Each structure stands twice: as structure tokens, then as C-alpha cells.
Amino acid sequence: MGTSSIQIVLVDDEPFSRDELKYLLSNYPDVTIAGEAGSVDEALGVILSTEPDAIFLDIEMGERNGIELAAILNKLKKVPLIVFATAYPDYAVSAFRVQALDYVLKPFEEVQLHEAVKRIRSALPDEPSSGETYLQKNAEFSKLAVQQGETIHYLAPKAIDYIYREGQVTKVVSQNVEYLTRYPLKELAEKLQDHSFFRTHKGYIVNLNRVEEITPWFNGAYQLKLIDVKEQIPVSRNYVKPLRQRLEL
């Protein structure tokens, strides 16, 4: 991000927790507390009026919880980055589903908080109008959060064989195990191209380091055989030439 201050709103029904966060965040010169709230309803008003860059959000807050608030915020034109700050570790999957940037557990540890602020910095674009997302902006992208059942896993790019779209769902395959990710295929293709990934088809991205064979198919299309992967990966004819260039064929 640029040199402007990071505007943050704190949402927690416990004043002590908000005060603790304010104190810890005061150690960061580029962070400004734009507002705070003790309930979901109050938070909506504060967030709509201040349009913060990020929020630190508790989960258990009476009748309406932080997960519900995050789902509402995701419908806004300007969606703040969401860092859940909670005493409950069991909401990690729900946090993943509402596209939380990070998940910090109480009691707060400075190392955890430092990582959260670092992620916020990386996620914010250099210019507010750039429209870049967290995944596109993060040049140090090293692991992809994926879901299998109720468990969140973090896969390094080199561990991913291929990624494909099935309907509106994006699936990540590693060692013949399928995972779900919330990111669209186009966004993943742009980010993973620096990790030897290539889009072979409108519905497929492949780790080129895993390619074992390439064979003609039909109508100018090809198929890829990946190491220790059963499924043949299609290569649309529109992608054949750039693929051959990437593979130096």
C-alpha cells in the first residue's frame, strides 16, 4: 500500500478487549483507529460512516454475531478487510467462508497481531482505485487456503497438481485429493503464473512442473499427463501455442 494511514474499526462487545487492541495497535505508526463498536448493529453504522480499510471483529456478541456481520459487509461496494479477533477457535471454517483475511485468538499475542497487520498492509492496493484484491496484490503469496469438509488446509503452490472449475465451484487437486477454494479460476491463474502455473483451458490451471506427457487429442487440442495424476488435463487449441512456448517445445 501507499503512505496513507490504515483506517481500522474495532468491533467487540467487551470494552476491555477493544482497549487492549487499541493499545497494541498504537505501536504501529501507520494504523489509525477510525472507530469502534460493541454490537453488530452499532458496527454497521460505524463502518458505513467511516469506510475503514479493515476491521478487527469479535464473533460472539449477543444475538447477532461477527460471522453474520461479515456476510453483510461482503455485500458492500467497498468491503473492508476482516480480521476475526475472538476467543473461539471453532469458527475458523465459518471465517473462511466469509473471506476473512486473518483469524487472531484471544488472549492477543503480539506476534499474531503483527502478522495480521502485515497481511492488511499487503492486501491494501497502492492506490484506492486500483481495484486489486488481496490475492492479486500479495506478491509474497506462498500458500493457498483451501477447505476439505470442516478443515482448512494451507497448500504451497508446488504441492498443487492442478486447479479446475466445476460449475461455480473452484477445486484444487493435490496428490489426488480435492479441496475447495473461494477464489475464482481467473484470479488464481494471474497470481500463480509466477509459480510455474499455466491456464490450459477456460476451466483448468496446471502446475507445469508436474507435466509428464503432452499428446495430441482432437481438433488441434492436446491432453496433459501429470506425474502421479490419473486424470488427463485438456489443453484447448487456443492455449496450445503459448503452452508450447512456456515448455520450450
C-alpha atoms as a PDB file:
ATOM      1  CA  MET A   1       0.000   0.000   0.000  1.00  0.00           C
ATOM      2  CA  GLY A   2       0.993   3.651  -0.169  1.00  0.00           C
ATOM      3  CA  THR A   3       1.980   6.018   2.642  1.00  0.00           C
ATOM      4  CA  SER A   4      -1.556   6.827   3.866  1.00  0.00           C
ATOM      5  CA  SER A   5      -2.731   5.608   7.253  1.00  0.00           C
ATOM      6  CA  ILE A   6      -4.569   2.289   7.571  1.00  0.00           C
ATOM      7  CA  GLN A   7      -8.057   3.036   8.890  1.00  0.00           C
ATOM      8  CA  ILE A   8      -9.289   0.328  11.267  1.00  0.00           C
ATOM      9  CA  VAL A   9     -12.564  -0.181  13.137  1.00  0.00           C
ATOM     10  CA  LEU A  10     -12.703  -2.377  16.255  1.00  0.00           C
ATOM     11  CA  VAL A  11     -15.867  -4.415  16.859  1.00  0.00           C
ATOM     12  CA  ASP A  12     -16.165  -6.234  20.188  1.00  0.00           C
ATOM     13  CA  ASP A  13     -18.833  -6.260  22.885  1.00  0.00           C
ATOM     14  CA  GLU A  14     -16.140  -6.231  25.589  1.00  0.00           C
ATOM     15  CA  PRO A  15     -14.666  -2.717  26.123  1.00  0.00           C
ATOM     16  CA  PHE A  16     -11.566  -4.249  27.713  1.00  0.00           C
ATOM     17  CA  SER A  17     -10.794  -6.205  24.538  1.00  0.00           C
ATOM     18  CA  ARG A  18     -11.222  -3.090  22.411  1.00  0.00           C
ATOM     19  CA  ASP A  19      -8.921  -1.139  24.737  1.00  0.00           C
ATOM     20  CA  GLU A  20      -6.322  -3.903  24.573  1.00  0.00           C
ATOM     21  CA  LEU A  21      -6.405  -3.907  20.781  1.00  0.00           C
ATOM     22  CA  LYS A  22      -6.154  -0.119  20.684  1.00  0.00           C
ATOM     23  CA  TYR A  23      -3.105  -0.267  22.921  1.00  0.00           C
ATOM     24  CA  LEU A  24      -1.384  -2.979  20.873  1.00  0.00           C
ATOM     25  CA  LEU A  25      -2.195  -1.310  17.554  1.00  0.00           C
ATOM     26  CA  SER A  26      -0.850   2.018  18.838  1.00  0.00           C
ATOM     27  CA  ASN A  27       2.608   0.526  18.277  1.00  0.00           C
ATOM     28  CA  TYR A  28       2.046   0.799  14.514  1.00  0.00           C
ATOM     29  CA  PRO A  29       2.518   4.391  13.246  1.00  0.00           C
ATOM     30  CA  ASP A  30       0.632   3.651  10.020  1.00  0.00           C
ATOM     31  CA  VAL A  31      -2.503   2.407  11.825  1.00  0.00           C
ATOM     32  CA  THR A  32      -5.358   4.717  12.866  1.00  0.00           C
ATOM     33  CA  ILE A  33      -8.412   3.595  14.844  1.00  0.00           C
ATOM     34  CA  ALA A  34     -11.252   5.121  12.843  1.00  0.00           C
ATOM     35  CA  GLY A  35     -13.986   3.926  15.184  1.00  0.00           C
ATOM     36  CA  GLU A  36     -15.235   1.193  17.461  1.00  0.00           C
ATOM     37  CA  ALA A  37     -18.476  -0.590  18.234  1.00  0.00           C
ATOM     38  CA  GLY A  38     -19.862  -3.010  20.801  1.00  0.00           C
ATOM     39  CA  SER A  39     -22.545  -4.728  18.703  1.00  0.00           C
ATOM     40  CA  VAL A  40     -23.352  -5.737  15.139  1.00  0.00           C
ATOM     41  CA  ASP A  41     -25.960  -3.009  14.703  1.00  0.00           C
ATOM     42  CA  GLU A  42     -23.653  -0.319  16.068  1.00  0.00           C
ATOM     43  CA  ALA A  43     -20.794  -1.636  13.939  1.00  0.00           C
ATOM     44  CA  LEU A  44     -22.807  -1.355  10.735  1.00  0.00           C
ATOM     45  CA  GLY A  45     -23.374   2.340  11.368  1.00  0.00           C
ATOM     46  CA  VAL A  46     -19.723   2.998  12.216  1.00  0.00           C
ATOM     47  CA  ILE A  47     -18.432   1.057   9.206  1.00  0.00           C
ATOM     48  CA  LEU A  48     -20.823   2.712   6.756  1.00  0.00           C
ATOM     49  CA  SER A  49     -19.850   6.165   8.003  1.00  0.00           C
ATOM     50  CA  THR A  50     -16.076   5.653   8.216  1.00  0.00           C
ATOM     51  CA  GLU A  51     -15.487   3.175   5.337  1.00  0.00           C
ATOM     52  CA  PRO A  52     -12.421   1.661   7.039  1.00  0.00           C
ATOM     53  CA  ASP A  53      -9.699  -0.319   5.306  1.00  0.00           C
ATOM     54  CA  ALA A  54     -10.035  -3.164   7.805  1.00  0.00           C
ATOM     55  CA  ILE A  55     -11.934  -4.265  10.879  1.00  0.00           C
ATOM     56  CA  PHE A  56     -10.953  -6.381  13.859  1.00  0.00           C
ATOM     57  CA  LEU A  57     -14.128  -8.309  14.583  1.00  0.00           C
ATOM     58  CA  ASP A  58     -15.206 -10.429  17.543  1.00  0.00           C
ATOM     59  CA  ILE A  59     -17.586 -13.334  16.872  1.00  0.00           C
ATOM     60  CA  GLU A  60     -19.736 -13.979  19.951  1.00  0.00           C
ATOM     61  CA  MET A  61     -21.539 -10.698  20.610  1.00  0.00           C
ATOM     62  CA  GLY A  62     -25.027 -11.499  21.826  1.00  0.00           C
ATOM     63  CA  GLU A  63     -27.969 -12.057  19.495  1.00  0.00           C
ATOM     64  CA  ARG A  64     -26.086 -11.211  16.271  1.00  0.00           C
ATOM     65  CA  ASN A  65     -22.537 -12.430  15.790  1.00  0.00           C
ATOM     66  CA  GLY A  66     -19.473 -11.385  13.833  1.00  0.00           C
ATOM     67  CA  ILE A  67     -19.927 -14.035  11.134  1.00  0.00           C
ATOM     68  CA  GLU A  68     -23.327 -12.536  10.331  1.00  0.00           C
ATOM     69  CA  LEU A  69     -21.813  -9.052  10.178  1.00  0.00           C
ATOM     70  CA  ALA A  70     -19.027 -10.236   7.865  1.00  0.00           C
ATOM     71  CA  ALA A  71     -21.583 -11.732   5.476  1.00  0.00           C
ATOM     72  CA  ILE A  72     -23.398  -8.377   5.377  1.00  0.00           C
ATOM     73  CA  LEU A  73     -20.163  -6.448   4.801  1.00  0.00           C
ATOM     74  CA  ASN A  74     -19.245  -8.667   1.846  1.00  0.00           C
ATOM     75  CA  LYS A  75     -22.231  -7.190   0.000  1.00  0.00           C
ATOM     76  CA  LEU A  76     -20.964  -3.606   0.315  1.00  0.00           C
ATOM     77  CA  LYS A  77     -19.417  -1.726  -2.593  1.00  0.00           C
ATOM     78  CA  LYS A  78     -16.281  -1.158  -0.515  1.00  0.00           C
ATOM     79  CA  VAL A  79     -15.662  -4.299   1.515  1.00  0.00           C
ATOM     80  CA  PRO A  80     -13.251  -3.840   4.436  1.00  0.00           C
ATOM     81  CA  LEU A  81     -10.632  -6.464   5.148  1.00  0.00           C
ATOM     82  CA  ILE A  82     -11.840  -8.634   8.002  1.00  0.00           C
ATOM     83  CA  VAL A  83      -9.639  -9.923  10.810  1.00  0.00           C
ATOM     84  CA  PHE A  84     -11.540 -12.003  13.326  1.00  0.00           C
ATOM     85  CA  ALA A  85     -10.317 -11.403  16.879  1.00  0.00           C
ATOM     86  CA  THR A  86     -12.004 -13.951  19.085  1.00  0.00           C
ATOM     87  CA  ALA A  87     -11.599 -16.389  21.955  1.00  0.00           C
ATOM     88  CA  TYR A  88     -13.294 -19.140  19.942  1.00  0.00           C
ATOM     89  CA  PRO A  89     -11.113 -21.266  17.612  1.00  0.00           C
ATOM     90  CA  ASP A  90     -14.094 -23.303  16.378  1.00  0.00           C
ATOM     91  CA  TYR A  91     -15.259 -20.638  13.924  1.00  0.00           C
ATOM     92  CA  ALA A  92     -12.263 -20.931  11.556  1.00  0.00           C
ATOM     93  CA  VAL A  93     -14.260 -22.646   8.797  1.00  0.00           C
ATOM     94  CA  SER A  94     -17.059 -20.066   9.033  1.00  0.00           C
ATOM     95  CA  ALA A  95     -14.442 -17.307   8.869  1.00  0.00           C
ATOM     96  CA  PHE A  96     -13.019 -18.874   5.717  1.00  0.00           C
ATOM     97  CA  ARG A  97     -16.455 -18.879   4.104  1.00  0.00           C
ATOM     98  CA  VAL A  98     -16.950 -15.148   4.675  1.00  0.00           C
ATOM     99  CA  GLN A  99     -13.486 -14.409   3.219  1.00  0.00           C
ATOM    100  CA  ALA A 100     -11.728 -13.328   6.388  1.00  0.00           C
ATOM    101  CA  LEU A 101      -8.162 -12.135   5.892  1.00  0.00           C
ATOM    102  CA  ASP A 102      -6.929 -13.479   9.227  1.00  0.00           C
ATOM    103  CA  TYR A 103      -8.062 -15.105  12.470  1.00  0.00           C
ATOM    104  CA  VAL A 104      -6.466 -13.920  15.725  1.00  0.00           C
ATOM    105  CA  LEU A 105      -7.191 -15.688  19.000  1.00  0.00           C
ATOM    106  CA  LYS A 106      -7.597 -14.124  22.428  1.00  0.00           C
ATOM    107  CA  PRO A 107      -5.624 -13.553  24.567  1.00  0.00           C
ATOM    108  CA  PHE A 108      -3.864 -11.481  21.937  1.00  0.00           C
ATOM    109  CA  GLU A 109      -0.222 -12.187  21.223  1.00  0.00           C
ATOM    110  CA  GLU A 110       1.993  -9.526  19.675  1.00  0.00           C
ATOM    111  CA  VAL A 111       3.363 -11.978  17.097  1.00  0.00           C
ATOM    112  CA  GLN A 112      -0.133 -12.869  15.881  1.00  0.00           C
ATOM    113  CA  LEU A 113      -1.166  -9.242  15.762  1.00  0.00           C
ATOM    114  CA  HIS A 114       1.993  -8.296  13.886  1.00  0.00           C
ATOM    115  CA  GLU A 115       1.213 -10.928  11.243  1.00  0.00           C
ATOM    116  CA  ALA A 116      -2.348  -9.635  10.944  1.00  0.00           C
ATOM    117  CA  VAL A 117      -1.177  -6.042  10.397  1.00  0.00           C
ATOM    118  CA  LYS A 118       1.391  -7.280   7.896  1.00  0.00           C
ATOM    119  CA  ARG A 119      -1.347  -9.087   5.962  1.00  0.00           C
ATOM    120  CA  ILE A 120      -3.507  -5.971   5.982  1.00  0.00           C
ATOM    121  CA  ARG A 121      -0.638  -3.910   4.569  1.00  0.00           C
ATOM    122  CA  SER A 122      -0.030  -6.473   1.824  1.00  0.00           C
ATOM    123  CA  ALA A 123      -3.705  -6.703   0.960  1.00  0.00           C
ATOM    124  CA  LEU A 124      -4.278  -2.976   0.511  1.00  0.00           C
ATOM    125  CA  PRO A 125      -3.629  -1.627  -3.004  1.00  0.00           C
ATOM    126  CA  ASP A 126      -1.114   1.130  -3.684  1.00  0.00           C
ATOM    127  CA  GLU A 127      -3.977   3.295  -4.932  1.00  0.00           C
ATOM    128  CA  PRO A 128      -7.514   3.065  -3.554  1.00  0.00           C
ATOM    129  CA  SER A 129      -8.976   2.962  -7.068  1.00  0.00           C
ATOM    130  CA  SER A 130      -6.798   0.165  -8.365  1.00  0.00           C
ATOM    131  CA  GLY A 131      -9.391  -2.484  -7.557  1.00  0.00           C
ATOM    132  CA  GLU A 132      -6.751  -5.094  -6.831  1.00  0.00           C
ATOM    133  CA  THR A 133      -7.724  -7.875  -4.472  1.00  0.00           C
ATOM    134  CA  TYR A 134      -5.743  -9.415  -1.663  1.00  0.00           C
ATOM    135  CA  LEU A 135      -4.717 -12.395  -3.775  1.00  0.00           C
ATOM    136  CA  GLN A 136      -3.625 -10.265  -6.751  1.00  0.00           C
ATOM    137  CA  LYS A 137      -1.685  -7.803  -4.631  1.00  0.00           C
ATOM    138  CA  ASN A 138       0.134 -10.205  -2.352  1.00  0.00           C
ATOM    139  CA  ALA A 139       3.494 -10.625  -4.067  1.00  0.00           C
ATOM    140  CA  GLU A 140       4.663 -12.962  -1.320  1.00  0.00           C
ATOM    141  CA  PHE A 141       1.863 -15.446  -1.996  1.00  0.00           C
ATOM    142  CA  SER A 142       3.239 -18.651  -0.540  1.00  0.00           C
ATOM    143  CA  LYS A 143       0.230 -20.731   0.499  1.00  0.00           C
ATOM    144  CA  LEU A 144      -3.352 -21.096  -0.651  1.00  0.00           C
ATOM    145  CA  ALA A 145      -6.116 -21.596   1.913  1.00  0.00           C
ATOM    146  CA  VAL A 146      -8.338 -24.495   0.864  1.00  0.00           C
ATOM    147  CA  GLN A 147     -11.154 -26.372   2.523  1.00  0.00           C
ATOM    148  CA  GLN A 148     -11.914 -30.084   2.863  1.00  0.00           C
ATOM    149  CA  GLY A 149     -15.006 -30.814   4.913  1.00  0.00           C
ATOM    150  CA  GLU A 150     -14.782 -28.736   8.071  1.00  0.00           C
ATOM    151  CA  THR A 151     -10.986 -28.412   7.926  1.00  0.00           C
ATOM    152  CA  ILE A 152      -8.906 -25.582   6.470  1.00  0.00           C
ATOM    153  CA  HIS A 153      -5.595 -26.574   4.861  1.00  0.00           C
ATOM    154  CA  TYR A 154      -2.799 -24.369   3.520  1.00  0.00           C
ATOM    155  CA  LEU A 155      -1.154 -25.660   0.343  1.00  0.00           C
ATOM    156  CA  ALA A 156       2.146 -24.409  -1.039  1.00  0.00           C
ATOM    157  CA  PRO A 157       1.968 -23.836  -4.832  1.00  0.00           C
ATOM    158  CA  LYS A 158       4.473 -26.618  -5.502  1.00  0.00           C
ATOM    159  CA  ALA A 159       2.129 -29.087  -3.758  1.00  0.00           C
ATOM    160  CA  ILE A 160      -0.734 -28.307  -6.150  1.00  0.00           C
ATOM    161  CA  ASP A 161      -1.092 -30.505  -9.244  1.00  0.00           C
ATOM    162  CA  TYR A 162      -3.910 -28.636 -10.956  1.00  0.00           C
ATOM    163  CA  ILE A 163      -6.963 -26.485 -10.319  1.00  0.00           C
ATOM    164  CA  TYR A 164     -10.270 -26.713 -12.129  1.00  0.00           C
ATOM    165  CA  ARG A 165     -13.735 -25.239 -12.122  1.00  0.00           C
ATOM    166  CA  GLU A 166     -16.847 -27.361 -11.702  1.00  0.00           C
ATOM    167  CA  GLY A 167     -19.910 -25.204 -12.176  1.00  0.00           C
ATOM    168  CA  GLN A 168     -19.444 -22.207  -9.881  1.00  0.00           C
ATOM    169  CA  VAL A 169     -17.007 -24.062  -7.617  1.00  0.00           C
ATOM    170  CA  THR A 170     -13.199 -23.936  -7.866  1.00  0.00           C
ATOM    171  CA  LYS A 171     -11.414 -27.143  -6.862  1.00  0.00           C
ATOM    172  CA  VAL A 172      -7.733 -27.630  -6.062  1.00  0.00           C
ATOM    173  CA  VAL A 173      -6.119 -31.049  -6.556  1.00  0.00           C
ATOM    174  CA  SER A 174      -3.036 -32.140  -4.629  1.00  0.00           C
ATOM    175  CA  GLN A 175      -1.860 -35.773  -4.583  1.00  0.00           C
ATOM    176  CA  ASN A 176      -5.255 -36.842  -5.995  1.00  0.00           C
ATOM    177  CA  VAL A 177      -7.104 -35.183  -3.095  1.00  0.00           C
ATOM    178  CA  GLU A 178      -9.640 -32.467  -3.945  1.00  0.00           C
ATOM    179  CA  TYR A 179     -10.075 -29.279  -1.930  1.00  0.00           C
ATOM    180  CA  LEU A 180     -12.322 -26.236  -2.314  1.00  0.00           C
ATOM    181  CA  THR A 181     -11.175 -22.636  -2.574  1.00  0.00           C
ATOM    182  CA  ARG A 182     -13.220 -19.445  -2.603  1.00  0.00           C
ATOM    183  CA  TYR A 183     -11.063 -17.790  -5.268  1.00  0.00           C
ATOM    184  CA  PRO A 184     -12.206 -17.753  -8.916  1.00  0.00           C
ATOM    185  CA  LEU A 185     -10.061 -19.518 -11.501  1.00  0.00           C
ATOM    186  CA  LYS A 186      -9.103 -16.304 -13.318  1.00  0.00           C
ATOM    187  CA  GLU A 187      -7.733 -14.735 -10.145  1.00  0.00           C
ATOM    188  CA  LEU A 188      -5.710 -17.828  -9.288  1.00  0.00           C
ATOM    189  CA  ALA A 189      -4.273 -18.026 -12.810  1.00  0.00           C
ATOM    190  CA  GLU A 190      -2.974 -14.456 -12.599  1.00  0.00           C
ATOM    191  CA  LYS A 191      -1.296 -14.998  -9.258  1.00  0.00           C
ATOM    192  CA  LEU A 192       0.073 -18.492  -9.804  1.00  0.00           C
ATOM    193  CA  GLN A 193       1.711 -17.739 -13.148  1.00  0.00           C
ATOM    194  CA  ASP A 194       4.820 -16.754 -11.192  1.00  0.00           C
ATOM    195  CA  HIS A 195       4.863 -20.237  -9.683  1.00  0.00           C
ATOM    196  CA  SER A 196       5.044 -22.175 -12.997  1.00  0.00           C
ATOM    197  CA  PHE A 197       1.279 -22.493 -13.353  1.00  0.00           C
ATOM    198  CA  PHE A 198      -0.430 -22.158 -16.731  1.00  0.00           C
ATOM    199  CA  ARG A 199      -4.048 -21.925 -17.808  1.00  0.00           C
ATOM    200  CA  THR A 200      -4.585 -24.715 -20.345  1.00  0.00           C
ATOM    201  CA  HIS A 201      -8.333 -24.347 -20.721  1.00  0.00           C
ATOM    202  CA  LYS A 202     -11.067 -21.989 -19.550  1.00  0.00           C
ATOM    203  CA  GLY A 203     -11.711 -24.463 -16.756  1.00  0.00           C
ATOM    204  CA  TYR A 204      -8.181 -25.642 -15.869  1.00  0.00           C
ATOM    205  CA  ILE A 205      -4.886 -24.359 -14.427  1.00  0.00           C
ATOM    206  CA  VAL A 206      -1.907 -26.722 -14.345  1.00  0.00           C
ATOM    207  CA  ASN A 207       1.373 -26.830 -12.440  1.00  0.00           C
ATOM    208  CA  LEU A 208       3.842 -27.134 -15.336  1.00  0.00           C
ATOM    209  CA  ASN A 209       6.416 -28.691 -13.039  1.00  0.00           C
ATOM    210  CA  ARG A 210       4.083 -31.679 -12.770  1.00  0.00           C
ATOM    211  CA  VAL A 211       3.723 -32.263 -16.536  1.00  0.00           C
ATOM    212  CA  GLU A 212       4.929 -35.698 -17.641  1.00  0.00           C
ATOM    213  CA  GLU A 213       3.494 -36.039 -21.162  1.00  0.00           C
ATOM    214  CA  ILE A 214       1.700 -33.927 -23.764  1.00  0.00           C
ATOM    215  CA  THR A 215      -0.233 -35.717 -26.509  1.00  0.00           C
ATOM    216  CA  PRO A 216      -2.467 -34.600 -29.418  1.00  0.00           C
ATOM    217  CA  TRP A 217      -6.173 -35.008 -28.842  1.00  0.00           C
ATOM    218  CA  PHE A 218      -8.661 -33.775 -31.484  1.00  0.00           C
ATOM    219  CA  ASN A 219      -9.435 -30.578 -33.401  1.00  0.00           C
ATOM    220  CA  GLY A 220      -5.989 -29.204 -32.595  1.00  0.00           C
ATOM    221  CA  ALA A 221      -6.399 -29.701 -28.854  1.00  0.00           C
ATOM    222  CA  TYR A 222      -3.993 -31.610 -26.606  1.00  0.00           C
ATOM    223  CA  GLN A 223      -4.027 -33.513 -23.344  1.00  0.00           C
ATOM    224  CA  LEU A 224      -1.547 -33.361 -20.490  1.00  0.00           C
ATOM    225  CA  LYS A 225      -0.461 -36.260 -18.322  1.00  0.00           C
ATOM    226  CA  LEU A 226       0.727 -35.142 -14.898  1.00  0.00           C
ATOM    227  CA  ILE A 227       3.038 -37.080 -12.606  1.00  0.00           C
ATOM    228  CA  ASP A 228       1.037 -39.492 -10.415  1.00  0.00           C
ATOM    229  CA  VAL A 229      -2.275 -37.982 -11.554  1.00  0.00           C
ATOM    230  CA  LYS A 230      -4.925 -40.193 -13.138  1.00  0.00           C
ATOM    231  CA  GLU A 231      -6.980 -37.532 -14.901  1.00  0.00           C
ATOM    232  CA  GLN A 232      -5.905 -36.239 -18.315  1.00  0.00           C
ATOM    233  CA  ILE A 233      -5.876 -32.429 -18.389  1.00  0.00           C
ATOM    234  CA  PRO A 234      -7.318 -30.796 -21.529  1.00  0.00           C
ATOM    235  CA  VAL A 235      -5.425 -28.127 -23.450  1.00  0.00           C
ATOM    236  CA  SER A 236      -7.711 -26.035 -25.666  1.00  0.00           C
ATOM    237  CA  ARG A 237      -6.247 -25.282 -29.078  1.00  0.00           C
ATOM    238  CA  ASN A 238      -6.217 -21.552 -28.239  1.00  0.00           C
ATOM    239  CA  TYR A 239      -3.756 -22.326 -25.430  1.00  0.00           C
ATOM    240  CA  VAL A 240      -1.532 -24.782 -27.331  1.00  0.00           C
ATOM    241  CA  LYS A 241       0.887 -22.243 -28.825  1.00  0.00           C
ATOM    242  CA  PRO A 242       1.580 -20.292 -25.589  1.00  0.00           C
ATOM    243  CA  LEU A 243       1.881 -23.612 -23.746  1.00  0.00           C
ATOM    244  CA  ARG A 244       4.488 -24.874 -26.210  1.00  0.00           C
ATOM    245  CA  GLN A 245       6.375 -21.611 -25.735  1.00  0.00           C
ATOM    246  CA  ARG A 246       6.296 -21.993 -21.949  1.00  0.00           C
ATOM    247  CA  LEU A 247       7.511 -25.578 -22.235  1.00  0.00           C
ATOM    248  CA  GLU A 248      10.073 -24.555 -24.903  1.00  0.00           C
ATOM    249  CA  LEU A 249       8.735 -27.130 -27.383  1.00  0.00           C
END
